[in-house]
C-alpha cells in the first residue's frame, strides 16, 4: 500500500453489496414521471426488499425523509422477520426521537432481526425547521454518543451532560441490542468539514456519492487521516445507481430512455423536495454535471439521474464486464461497501444480480457487521464491531 493510500478498517477485498428500497417515493420507469404502480407503499417497497434478500445482496438502504412514503424505522421492524439473510441499513435523522427511546426502538428491531441491523446517520434539518450545520452536527454527535454510551453501559446506569441532552438513566437494559460490544454499524455521508469530522470520530463507514475517481481518492485520503487523528480506522462506501445490459449500446440506450420523458422544470421541482438538495455534496455533483455536455463524468459514470434527483445523482452504465471493471477500480481504491439502485428498482435489482453480483467477492451474509458468521447464533452477538 502506498503512503498516500487510505488506511481502511477492512483491508480484505471482499465487499458488501447493498440495494435500495424506494421508501421516499423514488421509483420510476421514466425519470420524473410518476407511476402509481411504483409509488412508495408497504407492498412495493417490501417487494424490493424481499427480492434483494432472495437474490443474495448483503444489505439494503432504507432512506428517510419528510415525504409521502414509508417511515424507515417502522418499515425495518416490519421487514425484519421476513428476511432470511440480509442486513437492513436504516436511515435515521438525528434528533427526531428522544435518544433513550430511540435506543429502545433500535434494540427491539435488532433483536427481531437477530443482529441484521445497520444505521445510516443523517444530520439534515428536522422537518419544519432550518438550522445551521454547526447545530445539526453538534446534535447528531450527542445522539450518537448517547446511543453508543448506552450500548457500552451493558444494562447499567448511564449519564450524559451535553448542550442538547442531559440524561440520567438508572439502567440501560431497555436499549441493549442483539449486537453486543458496540451495537449496529454506523454509516455516514457528508462532504462538509463538520460532517467529515463527525464520521471520523464516531462512525464506521463513510459513504460517498458519485464523483470522478480522483476526487473520490482525495476524499478517502483526507477521511483516513481524520479518522487516524482520533485513533480510528474507517471503511468507505460508494452510493450509486447502476444500468447494466448485455451490451454497452443497450445500457446507454436504457439511460437515454430513462430521461426521454423528463421535463427540466419538473426535474428541478423533484430535486428541491429533498431536504439535502442544497447540500455541498449535491452542489459538487451538479458542478461536475455542468462540465460534461454528454452527462458522462468519466467513462461509464453517467450523471443524468441528478437532473431529477437530489442525493446520489449518477449511475454506472455499461455491459457486465464494464460495470464489473468499474467496481473493481473502486475496490482497488479501498471501497468496501456499495449501495446500488436503478430504475425501476425491481427490474434493475434483478439485472445487476444476474450479470454482475455473482462475480463479486462479497462478504458472507451478515458478515459486514464486524465479520460475523454466516448464520447468527440464537444468543446475542458479541463480535465487537469497532476495530
Protein backbone atom coordinates (compact mmCIF):
# COMPACT_ATOMS: atom_id res chain seq x y z
CA UNK A 1 0.00 0.00 0.00
CA UNK A 2 1.41 3.36 -0.99
CA UNK A 3 1.96 6.15 1.52
CA UNK A 4 -0.94 8.09 0.01
CA UNK A 5 -3.41 5.19 0.10
CA UNK A 6 -6.12 5.35 2.77
CA UNK A 7 -5.88 3.15 5.84
CA UNK A 8 -9.17 1.25 5.98
CA UNK A 9 -10.96 -0.75 8.61
CA UNK A 10 -11.35 -3.86 6.41
CA UNK A 11 -8.26 -4.44 4.23
CA UNK A 12 -9.69 -7.64 2.73
CA UNK A 13 -11.06 -7.14 -0.79
CA UNK A 14 -14.41 -8.83 -0.22
CA UNK A 15 -17.19 -6.27 -0.27
CA UNK A 16 -20.71 -5.62 0.92
CA UNK A 17 -23.20 -5.07 -1.92
CA UNK A 18 -26.45 -3.40 -0.91
CA UNK A 19 -29.57 -2.46 -2.84
CA UNK A 20 -32.03 0.39 -2.19
CA UNK A 21 -35.73 0.35 -1.31
CA UNK A 22 -37.67 3.40 -2.53
CA UNK A 23 -39.38 4.34 0.74
CA UNK A 24 -39.39 8.04 -0.20
CA UNK A 25 -41.20 7.60 -3.50
CA UNK A 26 -38.06 7.44 -5.66
CA UNK A 27 -39.05 4.84 -8.26
CA UNK A 28 -39.72 5.45 -11.95
CA UNK A 29 -39.79 3.84 -15.34
CA UNK A 30 -39.26 7.29 -16.86
CA UNK A 31 -37.42 9.66 -14.55
CA UNK A 32 -39.67 12.41 -13.22
CA UNK A 33 -42.90 10.79 -14.45
CA UNK A 34 -44.99 9.50 -11.51
CA UNK A 35 -46.23 5.94 -11.86
CA UNK A 36 -48.91 4.69 -9.49
CA UNK A 37 -47.64 1.13 -9.74
CA UNK A 38 -44.23 2.26 -8.46
CA UNK A 39 -45.34 4.61 -5.69
CA UNK A 40 -43.97 4.16 -2.19
CA UNK A 41 -46.19 1.63 -0.47
CA UNK A 42 -45.57 -1.07 2.08
CA UNK A 43 -46.22 -3.72 -0.57
CA UNK A 44 -43.98 -2.25 -3.28
CA UNK A 45 -41.08 -1.35 -1.02
CA UNK A 46 -41.46 -4.72 0.68
CA UNK A 47 -41.26 -6.45 -2.71
CA UNK A 48 -37.96 -4.66 -3.44
CA UNK A 49 -36.56 -5.58 -0.04
CA UNK A 50 -37.59 -9.22 -0.19
CA UNK A 51 -36.26 -9.56 -3.73
CA UNK A 52 -32.85 -8.19 -2.74
CA UNK A 53 -32.72 -10.65 0.15
CA UNK A 54 -33.61 -13.58 -2.12
CA UNK A 55 -31.07 -12.59 -4.79
CA UNK A 56 -28.15 -12.51 -2.35
CA UNK A 57 -27.50 -8.83 -1.62
CA UNK A 58 -25.89 -8.29 1.77
CA UNK A 59 -27.76 -5.14 2.81
CA UNK A 60 -30.48 -2.71 1.76
CA UNK A 61 -30.68 1.03 2.36
CA UNK A 62 -33.99 2.27 3.76
CA UNK A 63 -33.97 6.07 3.19
CA UNK A 64 -35.67 8.66 5.36
CA UNK A 65 -37.30 11.98 4.50
CA UNK A 66 -40.32 14.18 5.18
CA UNK A 67 -42.22 12.98 2.14
CA UNK A 68 -45.20 10.75 1.41
CA UNK A 69 -43.93 7.21 1.83
CA UNK A 70 -42.77 4.73 4.41
CA UNK A 71 -41.06 5.52 7.72
CA UNK A 72 -37.71 3.77 7.67
CA UNK A 73 -37.67 2.64 11.30
CA UNK A 74 -41.22 1.29 11.28
CA UNK A 75 -40.68 -0.34 7.88
CA UNK A 76 -37.50 -2.09 9.03
CA UNK A 77 -39.33 -3.56 12.01
CA UNK A 78 -41.99 -4.99 9.70
CA UNK A 79 -39.38 -6.40 7.31
CA UNK A 80 -37.03 -7.91 9.88
CA UNK A 81 -38.87 -11.23 10.40
CA UNK A 82 -39.46 -11.59 6.65
CA UNK A 83 -35.78 -11.51 5.66
CA UNK A 84 -33.64 -14.62 5.81
CA UNK A 85 -30.09 -13.35 5.31
CA UNK A 86 -29.78 -9.66 4.51
CA UNK A 87 -29.00 -6.70 6.77
CA UNK A 88 -31.10 -3.53 6.75
CA UNK A 89 -29.38 -0.12 6.67
CA UNK A 90 -31.92 2.19 8.30
CA UNK A 91 -31.58 5.94 7.72
CA UNK A 92 -32.17 7.92 10.91
CA UNK A 93 -32.38 11.69 11.23
CA UNK A 94 -30.64 12.54 14.49
CA UNK A 95 -32.88 14.36 16.95
CA UNK A 96 -36.27 13.18 15.70
CA UNK A 97 -36.63 10.70 18.58
CA UNK A 98 -35.62 11.17 22.22
CA UNK A 99 -32.33 9.22 22.39
CA UNK A 100 -33.22 6.69 25.13
CA UNK A 101 -36.44 5.82 23.30
CA UNK A 102 -34.54 5.63 20.01
CA UNK A 103 -32.13 3.25 21.69
CA UNK A 104 -35.02 1.06 22.83
CA UNK A 105 -36.59 1.06 19.36
CA UNK A 106 -33.28 0.08 17.75
CA UNK A 107 -32.72 -2.65 20.32
CA UNK A 108 -36.19 -4.04 19.61
CA UNK A 109 -35.58 -4.20 15.86
CA UNK A 110 -32.06 -5.56 16.33
CA UNK A 111 -33.41 -8.46 18.39
CA UNK A 112 -36.18 -9.15 15.86
CA UNK A 113 -33.55 -9.16 13.09
CA UNK A 114 -31.02 -11.17 15.14
CA UNK A 115 -28.32 -8.59 14.60
CA UNK A 116 -29.02 -7.81 10.96
CA UNK A 117 -29.33 -4.05 11.52
CA UNK A 118 -27.10 -1.13 10.47
CA UNK A 119 -27.69 2.61 10.87
CA UNK A 120 -27.31 5.40 8.32
CA UNK A 121 -26.80 8.55 10.38
CA UNK A 122 -28.49 11.64 8.90
CA UNK A 123 -27.79 15.21 10.10
CA UNK A 124 -30.21 17.10 7.88
CA UNK A 125 -32.66 19.67 9.23
CA UNK A 126 -35.58 18.31 11.16
CA UNK A 127 -38.88 18.64 9.27
CA UNK A 128 -40.29 22.13 9.73
CA UNK A 129 -37.02 23.61 10.99
CA UNK A 130 -33.99 25.29 9.44
CA UNK A 131 -30.78 25.24 11.44
CA UNK A 132 -27.09 25.83 10.85
CA UNK A 133 -24.80 22.95 10.07
CA UNK A 134 -22.97 23.61 13.32
CA UNK A 135 -26.14 22.93 15.32
CA UNK A 136 -27.17 19.92 13.27
CA UNK A 137 -23.83 18.16 13.55
CA UNK A 138 -23.46 19.00 17.24
CA UNK A 139 -26.86 17.43 17.91
CA UNK A 140 -26.00 14.38 15.82
CA UNK A 141 -22.77 13.93 17.73
CA UNK A 142 -24.61 13.93 21.03
CA UNK A 143 -27.22 11.40 19.85
CA UNK A 144 -24.51 9.06 18.58
CA UNK A 145 -22.56 9.37 21.82
CA UNK A 146 -25.70 8.61 23.84
CA UNK A 147 -26.55 5.53 21.77
CA UNK A 148 -23.00 4.21 21.96
CA UNK A 149 -22.81 5.09 25.64
CA UNK A 150 -25.99 3.18 26.44
CA UNK A 151 -24.75 0.18 24.48
CA UNK A 152 -21.41 0.28 26.29
CA UNK A 153 -23.16 0.52 29.67
CA UNK A 154 -24.32 -3.05 29.20
CA UNK A 155 -27.56 -2.52 31.10
CA UNK A 156 -26.06 -0.48 33.90
CA UNK A 157 -26.62 3.19 34.75
CA UNK A 158 -25.70 5.91 32.27
CA UNK A 159 -25.40 9.70 32.42
CA UNK A 160 -24.81 12.29 29.71
CA UNK A 161 -24.40 16.05 30.01
CA UNK A 162 -24.42 17.89 26.70
CA UNK A 163 -25.70 21.04 25.05
CA UNK A 164 -28.86 19.39 23.73
CA UNK A 165 -29.37 16.44 26.07
CA UNK A 166 -28.98 15.94 29.79
CA UNK A 167 -29.77 12.35 30.65
CA UNK A 168 -29.76 10.35 33.89
CA UNK A 169 -30.70 6.70 33.45
CA UNK A 170 -30.66 4.30 36.41
CA UNK A 171 -30.24 1.43 33.93
CA UNK A 172 -29.89 0.88 30.16
CA UNK A 173 -31.31 -2.61 29.90
CA UNK A 174 -34.11 -1.46 27.56
CA UNK A 175 -31.58 -0.18 24.99
CA UNK A 176 -29.31 -3.23 24.86
CA UNK A 177 -29.12 -4.50 21.24
CA UNK A 178 -28.75 -8.05 19.99
CA UNK A 179 -25.30 -6.97 18.81
CA UNK A 180 -23.24 -6.55 21.94
CA UNK A 181 -19.81 -4.91 22.35
CA UNK A 182 -20.67 -1.90 20.23
CA UNK A 183 -24.08 -2.23 18.67
CA UNK A 184 -25.06 -1.77 15.00
CA UNK A 185 -22.56 -0.41 12.49
CA UNK A 186 -22.97 3.29 11.71
CA UNK A 187 -22.75 4.61 8.14
CA UNK A 188 -22.46 8.33 7.44
CA UNK A 189 -22.03 10.60 4.42
CA UNK A 190 -21.21 14.27 4.00
CA UNK A 191 -18.61 16.49 2.34
CA UNK A 192 -18.51 19.47 4.68
CA UNK A 193 -15.66 19.59 7.22
CA UNK A 194 -18.09 19.24 10.12
CA UNK A 195 -19.73 16.20 8.54
CA UNK A 196 -16.43 14.51 7.86
CA UNK A 197 -15.20 15.17 11.38
CA UNK A 198 -18.35 13.61 12.82
CA UNK A 199 -17.86 10.43 10.79
CA UNK A 200 -14.14 10.22 11.53
CA UNK A 201 -14.82 10.50 15.25
CA UNK A 202 -17.87 8.28 15.69
CA UNK A 203 -18.91 6.19 12.67
CA UNK A 204 -17.73 3.06 10.89
CA UNK A 205 -18.40 3.53 7.16
CA UNK A 206 -18.06 6.81 5.25
CA UNK A 207 -20.47 6.92 2.30
CA UNK A 208 -19.65 8.87 -0.86
CA UNK A 209 -21.83 9.98 -3.76
CA UNK A 210 -20.50 9.60 -7.32
CA UNK A 211 -17.73 11.92 -8.41
CA UNK A 212 -14.65 11.40 -10.57
CA UNK A 213 -12.19 8.82 -9.29
CA UNK A 214 -9.53 11.41 -8.48
CA UNK A 215 -11.97 13.33 -6.27
CA UNK A 216 -13.09 10.14 -4.53
CA UNK A 217 -9.49 9.11 -3.88
CA UNK A 218 -8.69 12.53 -2.42
CA UNK A 219 -11.72 12.36 -0.12
CA UNK A 220 -10.72 8.89 1.06
CA UNK A 221 -7.19 10.01 1.88
CA UNK A 222 -8.49 13.01 3.81
CA UNK A 223 -11.04 10.94 5.73
CA UNK A 224 -8.46 8.29 6.56
CA UNK A 225 -6.22 10.97 8.05
CA UNK A 226 -9.10 12.48 10.02
CA UNK A 227 -10.02 9.09 11.48
CA UNK A 228 -6.38 8.34 12.34
CA UNK A 229 -6.25 11.58 14.30
CA UNK A 230 -8.90 10.05 16.58
CA UNK A 231 -7.03 6.76 16.74
CA UNK A 232 -9.53 5.04 14.45
CA UNK A 233 -9.80 3.45 11.01
CA UNK A 234 -13.00 3.53 8.98
CA UNK A 235 -14.34 1.79 5.89
CA UNK A 236 -15.56 3.51 2.74
CA UNK A 237 -18.82 3.05 0.88
CA UNK A 238 -19.99 4.19 -2.56
CA UNK A 239 -23.63 5.05 -3.28
CA UNK A 240 -24.52 4.84 -6.97
CA UNK A 241 -27.21 3.92 -9.42
CA UNK A 242 -26.43 1.25 -11.99
CA UNK A 243 -27.62 0.42 -15.50
CA UNK A 244 -26.23 -2.88 -16.81
CA UNK A 245 -27.26 -4.59 -20.05
CA UNK A 246 -25.80 -7.30 -22.28
CA UNK A 247 -24.10 -4.67 -24.46
CA UNK A 248 -22.84 -1.15 -23.82
CA UNK A 249 -25.11 0.18 -26.55
CA UNK A 250 -28.15 -1.30 -24.81
CA UNK A 251 -27.06 0.16 -21.46
CA UNK A 252 -26.60 3.62 -22.94
CA UNK A 253 -29.96 3.35 -24.69
CA UNK A 254 -31.57 2.43 -21.36
CA UNK A 255 -30.02 5.53 -19.79
CA UNK A 256 -31.34 7.71 -22.61
CA UNK A 257 -34.78 6.12 -22.32
CA UNK A 258 -34.87 6.91 -18.61
CA UNK A 259 -34.64 10.64 -19.44
CA UNK A 260 -36.79 10.53 -22.55
CA UNK A 261 -39.92 11.98 -20.90
CA UNK A 262 -38.27 14.29 -18.37
CA UNK A 263 -39.39 17.90 -18.18
CA UNK A 264 -36.47 20.00 -16.90
CA UNK A 265 -38.65 22.17 -14.65
CA UNK A 266 -40.35 19.11 -13.19
CA UNK A 267 -36.98 17.51 -12.57
CA UNK A 268 -35.78 20.55 -10.62
CA UNK A 269 -39.01 20.57 -8.63
CA UNK A 270 -38.45 16.92 -7.65
CA UNK A 271 -34.86 17.68 -6.61
CA UNK A 272 -35.95 20.62 -4.48
CA UNK A 273 -38.36 18.47 -2.48
CA UNK A 274 -35.45 16.75 -0.80
CA UNK A 275 -34.04 18.24 2.37
CA UNK A 276 -30.47 17.65 1.13
CA UNK A 277 -30.98 19.42 -2.22
CA UNK A 278 -28.82 22.35 -1.13
CA UNK A 279 -26.07 20.29 0.46
CA UNK A 280 -22.43 20.63 -0.54
CA UNK A 281 -22.40 17.07 -1.86
CA UNK A 282 -25.30 17.75 -4.23
CA UNK A 283 -23.74 21.01 -5.40
CA UNK A 284 -20.46 19.26 -6.19
CA UNK A 285 -22.27 16.70 -8.34
CA UNK A 286 -24.20 19.47 -10.11
CA UNK A 287 -20.95 21.30 -10.89
CA UNK A 288 -19.41 18.18 -12.42
CA UNK A 289 -22.54 17.53 -14.49
CA UNK A 290 -22.44 21.07 -15.87
CA UNK A 291 -18.90 20.47 -17.15
CA UNK A 292 -19.92 17.46 -19.28
CA UNK A 293 -22.43 18.01 -22.07
CA UNK A 294 -22.93 14.28 -22.67
CA UNK A 295 -23.60 13.79 -18.92
CA UNK A 296 -20.70 11.32 -18.56
CA UNK A 297 -18.35 12.46 -15.78
CA UNK A 298 -15.83 9.82 -16.85
CA UNK A 299 -16.10 6.52 -18.76
CA UNK A 300 -19.21 4.59 -17.64
CA UNK A 301 -20.25 7.13 -14.98
CA UNK A 302 -23.40 8.88 -16.21
CA UNK A 303 -24.84 11.83 -14.28
CA UNK A 304 -28.29 12.01 -15.87
CA UNK A 305 -30.13 10.82 -12.76
CA UNK A 306 -29.19 14.05 -11.00
CA UNK A 307 -31.39 16.03 -13.38
CA UNK A 308 -34.40 14.92 -11.36
CA UNK A 309 -33.00 13.59 -8.12
CA UNK A 310 -31.20 15.02 -5.12
CA UNK A 311 -28.65 12.93 -3.25
CA UNK A 312 -26.98 10.33 -5.43
CA UNK A 313 -27.16 11.67 -8.99
CA UNK A 314 -25.13 9.31 -11.19
CA UNK A 315 -25.18 5.74 -12.48
CA UNK A 316 -22.55 3.23 -13.54
CA UNK A 317 -23.54 2.37 -17.12
CA UNK A 318 -22.23 -0.43 -19.31
CA UNK A 319 -22.18 -4.09 -20.18
CA UNK A 320 -21.47 -6.68 -17.44
CA UNK A 321 -17.70 -6.62 -17.99
CA UNK A 322 -17.57 -2.82 -17.96
CA UNK A 323 -19.67 -2.48 -14.82
CA UNK A 324 -17.64 -5.18 -13.08
CA UNK A 325 -14.38 -3.49 -14.09
CA UNK A 326 -15.60 -0.11 -12.80
CA UNK A 327 -16.49 -1.66 -9.45
CA UNK A 328 -13.10 -3.34 -9.29
CA UNK A 329 -11.43 0.04 -9.76
CA UNK A 330 -13.33 1.32 -6.73
CA UNK A 331 -12.38 -1.79 -4.76
CA UNK A 332 -8.73 -1.21 -5.69
CA UNK A 333 -9.09 2.27 -4.22
CA UNK A 334 -10.27 0.81 -0.91
CA UNK A 335 -14.07 0.95 -1.16
CA UNK A 336 -15.64 -1.96 0.72
CA UNK A 337 -19.36 -1.20 0.56
CA UNK A 338 -21.57 -0.47 -2.45
CA UNK A 339 -25.15 0.79 -2.16
CA UNK A 340 -26.71 0.46 -5.60
CA UNK A 341 -30.08 1.18 -7.16
CA UNK A 342 -31.73 1.55 -10.55
CA UNK A 343 -34.98 2.41 -12.28
CA UNK A 344 -37.35 0.70 -11.90
CA UNK A 345 -35.80 -0.74 -8.73
CA UNK A 346 -37.24 -4.25 -9.01
CA UNK A 347 -36.09 -4.75 -12.59
CA UNK A 348 -32.61 -3.31 -12.11
CA UNK A 349 -32.16 -5.29 -8.89
CA UNK A 350 -32.67 -8.48 -10.91
CA UNK A 351 -30.44 -7.38 -13.79
CA UNK A 352 -27.48 -6.50 -11.57
CA UNK A 353 -27.91 -9.77 -9.66
CA UNK A 354 -27.94 -11.65 -12.96
CA UNK A 355 -24.98 -10.01 -14.68
CA UNK A 356 -22.59 -8.74 -12.00
CA UNK A 357 -23.33 -9.69 -8.40
CA UNK A 358 -22.23 -13.36 -8.66
CA UNK A 359 -18.84 -12.24 -9.99
CA UNK A 360 -18.05 -10.06 -6.99
CA UNK A 361 -16.15 -11.36 -3.97
CA UNK A 362 -18.73 -10.42 -1.36
CA UNK A 363 -18.69 -10.78 2.40
CA UNK A 364 -20.57 -13.75 3.73
CA UNK A 365 -24.16 -12.96 4.57
CA UNK A 366 -24.33 -10.75 7.65
CA UNK A 367 -20.54 -10.58 7.72
CA UNK A 368 -20.49 -6.86 7.00
CA UNK A 369 -21.01 -6.14 10.69
CA UNK A 370 -17.63 -6.93 12.19
CA UNK A 371 -17.12 -10.08 10.07
CA UNK A 372 -19.92 -12.11 11.58
CA UNK A 373 -20.62 -15.80 10.95
CA UNK A 374 -23.00 -16.50 8.09
CA UNK A 375 -25.71 -17.80 10.41
CA UNK A 376 -26.06 -15.74 13.60
CA UNK A 377 -26.42 -17.67 16.86
CA UNK A 378 -29.58 -17.62 18.93
CA UNK A 379 -27.74 -15.76 21.69
CA UNK A 380 -26.74 -12.10 21.35
CA UNK A 381 -23.79 -11.41 19.09
CA UNK A 382 -20.54 -10.42 20.76
CA UNK A 383 -18.46 -9.59 17.72
CA UNK A 384 -17.05 -6.25 18.88
CA UNK A 385 -17.76 -4.17 15.80
CA UNK A 386 -15.22 -1.38 16.24
CA UNK A 387 -11.74 -2.50 15.28
